[in-house]
Structure formats: structure tokens, C-alpha cells
């Protein structure tokens, strides 16, 4: 099972990223747990400068933008 974290304060972009990840998981029949991380101390563990951030299986794959569905699908497939 995939472990996915969306890092951010809960802003509109963070919510959009979470929705996009959920859609990709459903569209590709993948099982994964999506966790919202809003605690700044926890976010700093990933050394992101801008939100939203996306972590897949403990690897930061994107920050400061909302990746497109193809990018997300590629990261989830690895």
C-alpha cells in the first residue's frame, strides 16, 4: 500500500492536490493512504520552502506546485 502525504496548511492548492491524488489513486486502481500534514514542524522535516508538498513513500516528489495527473501517476507507480 502506498503512503502519500500532502504537506500544507490547508489552503486551496493543498486541497486541490489532495483531490488530484485521490483521483489518480481511484483511476488507476491503486491502494494508498493519503495523509494531510498541516503541522509546520512535521513539514520542515521535508525541507520544503513552498506548499503544497507531495511525499510518496517517504520521498519528497514535489513542492510549491500542483503536479498534473500524469506526473502523480508516475510517482505512484514506482
PDB file of N, CA and C in Angstrom:
ATOM      1  N   UNK A   1       0.845  -1.184   0.000  1.00  0.00           N
ATOM      2  CA  UNK A   1       0.000   0.000   0.000  1.00  0.00           C
ATOM      3  C   UNK A   1       0.885   1.240   0.000  1.00  0.00           C
ATOM      4  N   UNK A   2       0.487   2.211  -0.782  1.00  0.00           N
ATOM      5  CA  UNK A   2       1.226   3.465  -0.887  1.00  0.00           C
ATOM      6  C   UNK A   2       0.949   4.357   0.316  1.00  0.00           C
ATOM      7  N   UNK A   3       1.964   5.094   0.725  1.00  0.00           N
ATOM      8  CA  UNK A   3       1.802   6.092   1.768  1.00  0.00           C
ATOM      9  C   UNK A   3       2.069   7.443   1.126  1.00  0.00           C
ATOM     10  N   UNK A   4       1.039   8.280   1.074  1.00  0.00           N
ATOM     11  CA  UNK A   4       1.130   9.581   0.417  1.00  0.00           C
ATOM     12  C   UNK A   4       0.826  10.663   1.437  1.00  0.00           C
ATOM     13  N   UNK A   5       1.665  11.689   1.459  1.00  0.00           N
ATOM     14  CA  UNK A   5       1.440  12.815   2.357  1.00  0.00           C
ATOM     15  C   UNK A   5       1.300  14.086   1.525  1.00  0.00           C
ATOM     16  N   UNK A   6       0.280  14.862   1.830  1.00  0.00           N
ATOM     17  CA  UNK A   6       0.113  16.187   1.240  1.00  0.00           C
ATOM     18  C   UNK A   6       0.500  17.179   2.328  1.00  0.00           C
ATOM     19  N   UNK A   7       1.550  17.942   2.075  1.00  0.00           N
ATOM     20  CA  UNK A   7       2.060  18.895   3.056  1.00  0.00           C
ATOM     21  C   UNK A   7       1.509  20.281   2.765  1.00  0.00           C
ATOM     22  N   UNK A   8       0.902  20.899   3.756  1.00  0.00           N
ATOM     23  CA  UNK A   8       0.394  22.248   3.570  1.00  0.00           C
ATOM     24  C   UNK A   8      -0.549  22.652   4.680  1.00  0.00           C
ATOM     25  N   UNK A   9      -0.851  23.913   4.692  1.00  0.00           N
ATOM     26  CA  UNK A   9      -1.654  24.487   5.772  1.00  0.00           C
ATOM     27  C   UNK A   9      -3.151  24.238   5.620  1.00  0.00           C
ATOM     28  N   UNK A  10      -3.555  23.697   4.491  1.00  0.00           N
ATOM     29  CA  UNK A  10      -4.982  23.510   4.235  1.00  0.00           C
ATOM     30  C   UNK A  10      -5.519  24.532   3.256  1.00  0.00           C
ATOM     31  N   UNK A  11      -4.627  25.198   2.556  1.00  0.00           N
ATOM     32  CA  UNK A  11      -5.030  26.213   1.571  1.00  0.00           C
ATOM     33  C   UNK A  11      -5.726  25.552   0.374  1.00  0.00           C
ATOM     34  N   UNK A  12      -6.240  26.350  -0.509  1.00  0.00           N
ATOM     35  CA  UNK A  12      -6.964  25.831  -1.676  1.00  0.00           C
ATOM     36  C   UNK A  12      -6.075  24.936  -2.533  1.00  0.00           C
ATOM     37  N   UNK A  13      -4.821  25.306  -2.725  1.00  0.00           N
ATOM     38  CA  UNK A  13      -3.920  24.485  -3.534  1.00  0.00           C
ATOM     39  C   UNK A  13      -3.640  23.145  -2.866  1.00  0.00           C
ATOM     40  N   UNK A  14      -3.524  23.135  -1.560  1.00  0.00           N
ATOM     41  CA  UNK A  14      -3.297  21.890  -0.822  1.00  0.00           C
ATOM     42  C   UNK A  14      -4.497  20.958  -0.993  1.00  0.00           C
ATOM     43  N   UNK A  15      -5.685  21.521  -0.906  1.00  0.00           N
ATOM     44  CA  UNK A  15      -6.899  20.725  -1.071  1.00  0.00           C
ATOM     45  C   UNK A  15      -7.006  20.191  -2.495  1.00  0.00           C
ATOM     46  N   UNK A  16      -6.649  21.021  -3.478  1.00  0.00           N
ATOM     47  CA  UNK A  16      -6.680  20.589  -4.878  1.00  0.00           C
ATOM     48  C   UNK A  16      -5.705  19.433  -5.112  1.00  0.00           C
ATOM     49  N   UNK A  17      -4.519  19.546  -4.527  1.00  0.00           N
ATOM     50  CA  UNK A  17      -3.530  18.474  -4.681  1.00  0.00           C
ATOM     51  C   UNK A  17      -4.050  17.183  -4.057  1.00  0.00           C
ATOM     52  N   UNK A  18      -4.633  17.275  -2.886  1.00  0.00           N
ATOM     53  CA  UNK A  18      -5.173  16.074  -2.247  1.00  0.00           C
ATOM     54  C   UNK A  18      -6.256  15.437  -3.115  1.00  0.00           C
ATOM     55  N   UNK A  19      -7.147  16.246  -3.672  1.00  0.00           N
ATOM     56  CA  UNK A  19      -8.204  15.727  -4.539  1.00  0.00           C
ATOM     57  C   UNK A  19      -7.614  15.063  -5.780  1.00  0.00           C
ATOM     58  N   UNK A  20      -6.585  15.672  -6.341  1.00  0.00           N
ATOM     59  CA  UNK A  20      -5.952  15.126  -7.541  1.00  0.00           C
ATOM     60  C   UNK A  20      -5.294  13.772  -7.232  1.00  0.00           C
ATOM     61  N   UNK A  21      -4.631  13.666  -6.089  1.00  0.00           N
ATOM     62  CA  UNK A  21      -4.009  12.398  -5.690  1.00  0.00           C
ATOM     63  C   UNK A  21      -5.076  11.328  -5.501  1.00  0.00           C
ATOM     64  N   UNK A  22      -6.171  11.679  -4.827  1.00  0.00           N
ATOM     65  CA  UNK A  22      -7.267  10.720  -4.617  1.00  0.00           C
ATOM     66  C   UNK A  22      -7.825  10.238  -5.955  1.00  0.00           C
ATOM     67  N   UNK A  23      -7.965  11.153  -6.913  1.00  0.00           N
ATOM     68  CA  UNK A  23      -8.494  10.806  -8.233  1.00  0.00           C
ATOM     69  C   UNK A  23      -7.556   9.856  -8.952  1.00  0.00           C
ATOM     70  N   UNK A  24      -6.258  10.127  -8.924  1.00  0.00           N
ATOM     71  CA  UNK A  24      -5.285   9.266  -9.596  1.00  0.00           C
ATOM     72  C   UNK A  24      -5.287   7.875  -8.971  1.00  0.00           C
ATOM     73  N   UNK A  25      -5.337   7.814  -7.643  1.00  0.00           N
ATOM     74  CA  UNK A  25      -5.400   6.510  -6.977  1.00  0.00           C
ATOM     75  C   UNK A  25      -6.624   5.727  -7.458  1.00  0.00           C
ATOM     76  N   UNK A  26      -7.776   6.381  -7.489  1.00  0.00           N
ATOM     77  CA  UNK A  26      -9.012   5.716  -7.904  1.00  0.00           C
ATOM     78  C   UNK A  26      -8.969   5.329  -9.381  1.00  0.00           C
ATOM     79  N   UNK A  27      -8.517   6.240 -10.235  1.00  0.00           N
ATOM     80  CA  UNK A  27      -8.484   5.980 -11.680  1.00  0.00           C
ATOM     81  C   UNK A  27      -7.563   4.825 -12.046  1.00  0.00           C
ATOM     82  N   UNK A  28      -6.494   4.635 -11.284  1.00  0.00           N
ATOM     83  CA  UNK A  28      -5.520   3.589 -11.593  1.00  0.00           C
ATOM     84  C   UNK A  28      -5.680   2.350 -10.718  1.00  0.00           C
ATOM     85  N   UNK A  29      -6.713   2.332  -9.898  1.00  0.00           N
ATOM     86  CA  UNK A  29      -6.976   1.176  -9.055  1.00  0.00           C
ATOM     87  C   UNK A  29      -5.875   0.900  -8.044  1.00  0.00           C
ATOM     88  N   UNK A  30      -5.236   1.949  -7.566  1.00  0.00           N
ATOM     89  CA  UNK A  30      -4.141   1.803  -6.608  1.00  0.00           C
ATOM     90  C   UNK A  30      -4.656   1.961  -5.183  1.00  0.00           C
ATOM     91  N   UNK A  31      -4.051   1.216  -4.278  1.00  0.00           N
ATOM     92  CA  UNK A  31      -4.396   1.354  -2.872  1.00  0.00           C
ATOM     93  C   UNK A  31      -3.374   2.246  -2.198  1.00  0.00           C
ATOM     94  N   UNK A  32      -3.859   3.229  -1.490  1.00  0.00           N
ATOM     95  CA  UNK A  32      -2.950   4.126  -0.805  1.00  0.00           C
ATOM     96  C   UNK A  32      -3.639   4.900   0.295  1.00  0.00           C
ATOM     97  N   UNK A  33      -2.845   5.274   1.255  1.00  0.00           N
ATOM     98  CA  UNK A  33      -3.332   6.100   2.351  1.00  0.00           C
ATOM     99  C   UNK A  33      -2.836   7.520   2.101  1.00  0.00           C
ATOM    100  N   UNK A  34      -3.757   8.467   2.066  1.00  0.00           N
ATOM    101  CA  UNK A  34      -3.399   9.868   1.857  1.00  0.00           C
ATOM    102  C   UNK A  34      -3.541  10.590   3.192  1.00  0.00           C
ATOM    103  N   UNK A  35      -2.433  11.157   3.631  1.00  0.00           N
ATOM    104  CA  UNK A  35      -2.392  11.845   4.917  1.00  0.00           C
ATOM    105  C   UNK A  35      -2.140  13.333   4.681  1.00  0.00           C
ATOM    106  N   UNK A  36      -2.933  14.172   5.338  1.00  0.00           N
ATOM    107  CA  UNK A  36      -2.707  15.616   5.275  1.00  0.00           C
ATOM    108  C   UNK A  36      -1.801  15.994   6.438  1.00  0.00           C
ATOM    109  N   UNK A  37      -0.701  16.658   6.126  1.00  0.00           N
ATOM    110  CA  UNK A  37       0.234  17.108   7.159  1.00  0.00           C
ATOM    111  C   UNK A  37       0.154  18.626   7.210  1.00  0.00           C
ATOM    112  N   UNK A  38      -0.390  19.160   8.316  1.00  0.00           N
ATOM    113  CA  UNK A  38      -0.546  20.601   8.453  1.00  0.00           C
ATOM    114  C   UNK A  38       0.377  21.187   9.514  1.00  0.00           C
ATOM    115  N   UNK A  39       1.029  20.331  10.285  1.00  0.00           N
ATOM    116  CA  UNK A  39       1.936  20.774  11.332  1.00  0.00           C
ATOM    117  C   UNK A  39       3.249  21.263  10.711  1.00  0.00           C
ATOM    118  N   UNK A  40       3.606  22.527  10.980  1.00  0.00           N
ATOM    119  CA  UNK A  40       4.797  23.109  10.354  1.00  0.00           C
ATOM    120  C   UNK A  40       6.078  22.385  10.760  1.00  0.00           C
ATOM    121  N   UNK A  41       6.140  21.903  12.003  1.00  0.00           N
ATOM    122  CA  UNK A  41       7.313  21.150  12.437  1.00  0.00           C
ATOM    123  C   UNK A  41       7.509  19.892  11.607  1.00  0.00           C
ATOM    124  N   UNK A  42       6.404  19.198  11.352  1.00  0.00           N
ATOM    125  CA  UNK A  42       6.460  17.982  10.528  1.00  0.00           C
ATOM    126  C   UNK A  42       6.804  18.330   9.075  1.00  0.00           C
ATOM    127  N   UNK A  43       6.236  19.421   8.569  1.00  0.00           N
ATOM    128  CA  UNK A  43       6.532  19.820   7.189  1.00  0.00           C
ATOM    129  C   UNK A  43       8.007  20.153   7.011  1.00  0.00           C
ATOM    130  N   UNK A  44       8.610  20.751   8.025  1.00  0.00           N
ATOM    131  CA  UNK A  44      10.020  21.134   7.925  1.00  0.00           C
ATOM    132  C   UNK A  44      10.930  19.915   7.861  1.00  0.00           C
ATOM    133  N   UNK A  45      10.438  18.778   8.300  1.00  0.00           N
ATOM    134  CA  UNK A  45      11.196  17.534   8.165  1.00  0.00           C
ATOM    135  C   UNK A  45      11.540  17.269   6.705  1.00  0.00           C
ATOM    136  N   UNK A  46      10.708  17.761   5.811  1.00  0.00           N
ATOM    137  CA  UNK A  46      10.895  17.538   4.374  1.00  0.00           C
ATOM    138  C   UNK A  46      11.625  18.696   3.696  1.00  0.00           C
ATOM    139  N   UNK A  47      11.984  19.743   4.450  1.00  0.00           N
ATOM    140  CA  UNK A  47      12.725  20.897   3.906  1.00  0.00           C
ATOM    141  C   UNK A  47      12.046  21.542   2.706  1.00  0.00           C
ATOM    142  N   UNK A  48      10.738  21.723   2.786  1.00  0.00           N
ATOM    143  CA  UNK A  48      10.057  22.403   1.687  1.00  0.00           C
ATOM    144  C   UNK A  48      10.014  23.900   1.983  1.00  0.00           C
ATOM    145  N   UNK A  49      10.145  24.682   0.924  1.00  0.00           N
ATOM    146  CA  UNK A  49      10.099  26.132   1.065  1.00  0.00           C
ATOM    147  C   UNK A  49       8.714  26.684   0.735  1.00  0.00           C
ATOM    148  N   UNK A  50       7.991  25.966  -0.120  1.00  0.00           N
ATOM    149  CA  UNK A  50       6.651  26.392  -0.515  1.00  0.00           C
ATOM    150  C   UNK A  50       5.712  25.201  -0.462  1.00  0.00           C
ATOM    151  N   UNK A  51       4.467  25.485  -0.131  1.00  0.00           N
ATOM    152  CA  UNK A  51       3.445  24.443  -0.152  1.00  0.00           C
ATOM    153  C   UNK A  51       2.613  24.605  -1.421  1.00  0.00           C
ATOM    154  N   UNK A  52       1.917  23.604  -1.845  1.00  0.00           N
ATOM    155  CA  UNK A  52       1.824  22.297  -1.230  1.00  0.00           C
ATOM    156  C   UNK A  52       3.033  21.426  -1.557  1.00  0.00           C
ATOM    157  N   UNK A  53       3.221  20.441  -0.723  1.00  0.00           N
ATOM    158  CA  UNK A  53       4.270  19.455  -0.964  1.00  0.00           C
ATOM    159  C   UNK A  53       3.636  18.081  -1.092  1.00  0.00           C
ATOM    160  N   UNK A  54       4.306  17.204  -1.827  1.00  0.00           N
ATOM    161  CA  UNK A  54       3.802  15.850  -2.014  1.00  0.00           C
ATOM    162  C   UNK A  54       4.915  14.859  -1.708  1.00  0.00           C
ATOM    163  N   UNK A  55       4.632  13.947  -0.791  1.00  0.00           N
ATOM    164  CA  UNK A  55       5.579  12.919  -0.380  1.00  0.00           C
ATOM    165  C   UNK A  55       4.956  11.564  -0.695  1.00  0.00           C
ATOM    166  N   UNK A  56       5.706  10.727  -1.419  1.00  0.00           N
ATOM    167  CA  UNK A  56       5.245   9.381  -1.746  1.00  0.00           C
ATOM    168  C   UNK A  56       6.237   8.388  -1.153  1.00  0.00           C
ATOM    169  N   UNK A  57       5.742   7.540  -0.258  1.00  0.00           N
ATOM    170  CA  UNK A  57       6.587   6.530   0.397  1.00  0.00           C
ATOM    171  C   UNK A  57       7.871   7.144   0.956  1.00  0.00           C
ATOM    172  N   UNK A  58       7.710   8.225   1.705  1.00  0.00           N
ATOM    173  CA  UNK A  58       8.807   8.918   2.399  1.00  0.00           C
ATOM    174  C   UNK A  58       9.815   9.603   1.484  1.00  0.00           C
ATOM    175  N   UNK A  59       9.428   9.895   0.235  1.00  0.00           N
ATOM    176  CA  UNK A  59      10.286  10.634  -0.689  1.00  0.00           C
ATOM    177  C   UNK A  59       9.527  11.873  -1.160  1.00  0.00           C
ATOM    178  N   UNK A  60      10.114  13.045  -0.949  1.00  0.00           N
ATOM    179  CA  UNK A  60       9.508  14.283  -1.433  1.00  0.00           C
ATOM    180  C   UNK A  60       9.616  14.311  -2.954  1.00  0.00           C
ATOM    181  N   UNK A  61       8.474  14.371  -3.635  1.00  0.00           N
ATOM    182  CA  UNK A  61       8.487  14.361  -5.100  1.00  0.00           C
ATOM    183  C   UNK A  61       8.120  15.710  -5.711  1.00  0.00           C
ATOM    184  N   UNK A  62       7.450  16.573  -4.955  1.00  0.00           N
ATOM    185  CA  UNK A  62       7.070  17.885  -5.492  1.00  0.00           C
ATOM    186  C   UNK A  62       6.812  18.853  -4.353  1.00  0.00           C
ATOM    187  N   UNK A  63       7.103  20.132  -4.604  1.00  0.00           N
ATOM    188  CA  UNK A  63       6.741  21.170  -3.639  1.00  0.00           C
ATOM    189  C   UNK A  63       6.552  22.483  -4.374  1.00  0.00           C
ATOM    190  N   UNK A  64       5.657  23.293  -3.835  1.00  0.00           N
ATOM    191  CA  UNK A  64       5.414  24.612  -4.383  1.00  0.00           C
ATOM    192  C   UNK A  64       4.566  24.648  -5.631  1.00  0.00           C
ATOM    193  N   UNK A  65       3.965  23.509  -5.996  1.00  0.00           N
ATOM    194  CA  UNK A  65       3.122  23.482  -7.193  1.00  0.00           C
ATOM    195  C   UNK A  65       2.173  22.291  -7.109  1.00  0.00           C
ATOM    196  N   UNK A  66       1.205  22.282  -8.014  1.00  0.00           N
ATOM    197  CA  UNK A  66       0.288  21.157  -8.101  1.00  0.00           C
ATOM    198  C   UNK A  66       0.663  20.361  -9.348  1.00  0.00           C
ATOM    199  N   UNK A  67       1.264  19.194  -9.165  1.00  0.00           N
ATOM    200  CA  UNK A  67       1.647  18.387 -10.331  1.00  0.00           C
ATOM    201  C   UNK A  67       0.418  17.908 -11.095  1.00  0.00           C
ATOM    202  N   UNK A  68       0.603  17.639 -12.398  1.00  0.00           N
ATOM    203  CA  UNK A  68      -0.528  17.136 -13.175  1.00  0.00           C
ATOM    204  C   UNK A  68      -0.747  15.651 -12.875  1.00  0.00           C
ATOM    205  N   UNK A  69      -1.862  15.124 -13.340  1.00  0.00           N
ATOM    206  CA  UNK A  69      -2.231  13.749 -13.016  1.00  0.00           C
ATOM    207  C   UNK A  69      -1.224  12.737 -13.542  1.00  0.00           C
ATOM    208  N   UNK A  70      -0.650  12.982 -14.722  1.00  0.00           N
ATOM    209  CA  UNK A  70       0.332  12.052 -15.273  1.00  0.00           C
ATOM    210  C   UNK A  70       1.583  11.977 -14.398  1.00  0.00           C
ATOM    211  N   UNK A  71       2.037  13.122 -13.900  1.00  0.00           N
ATOM    212  CA  UNK A  71       3.196  13.129 -13.004  1.00  0.00           C
ATOM    213  C   UNK A  71       2.904  12.326 -11.739  1.00  0.00           C
ATOM    214  N   UNK A  72       1.731  12.576 -11.159  1.00  0.00           N
ATOM    215  CA  UNK A  72       1.359  11.896  -9.926  1.00  0.00           C
ATOM    216  C   UNK A  72       1.270  10.393 -10.167  1.00  0.00           C
ATOM    217  N   UNK A  73       0.652  10.002 -11.277  1.00  0.00           N
ATOM    218  CA  UNK A  73       0.518   8.583 -11.602  1.00  0.00           C
ATOM    219  C   UNK A  73       1.903   7.931 -11.732  1.00  0.00           C
ATOM    220  N   UNK A  74       2.844   8.628 -12.338  1.00  0.00           N
ATOM    221  CA  UNK A  74       4.192   8.094 -12.485  1.00  0.00           C
ATOM    222  C   UNK A  74       4.867   7.875 -11.135  1.00  0.00           C
ATOM    223  N   UNK A  75       4.715   8.809 -10.239  1.00  0.00           N
ATOM    224  CA  UNK A  75       5.324   8.670  -8.907  1.00  0.00           C
ATOM    225  C   UNK A  75       4.655   7.546  -8.123  1.00  0.00           C
ATOM    226  N   UNK A  76       3.358   7.410  -8.258  1.00  0.00           N
ATOM    227  CA  UNK A  76       2.642   6.378  -7.522  1.00  0.00           C
ATOM    228  C   UNK A  76       2.934   4.992  -8.067  1.00  0.00           C
ATOM    229  N   UNK A  77       3.258   4.893  -9.343  1.00  0.00           N
ATOM    230  CA  UNK A  77       3.529   3.597  -9.971  1.00  0.00           C
ATOM    231  C   UNK A  77       4.906   3.038  -9.611  1.00  0.00           C
ATOM    232  N   UNK A  78       5.821   3.905  -9.165  1.00  0.00           N
ATOM    233  CA  UNK A  78       7.190   3.457  -8.859  1.00  0.00           C
ATOM    234  C   UNK A  78       7.226   2.577  -7.643  1.00  0.00           C
TER     235      UNK A  78
END
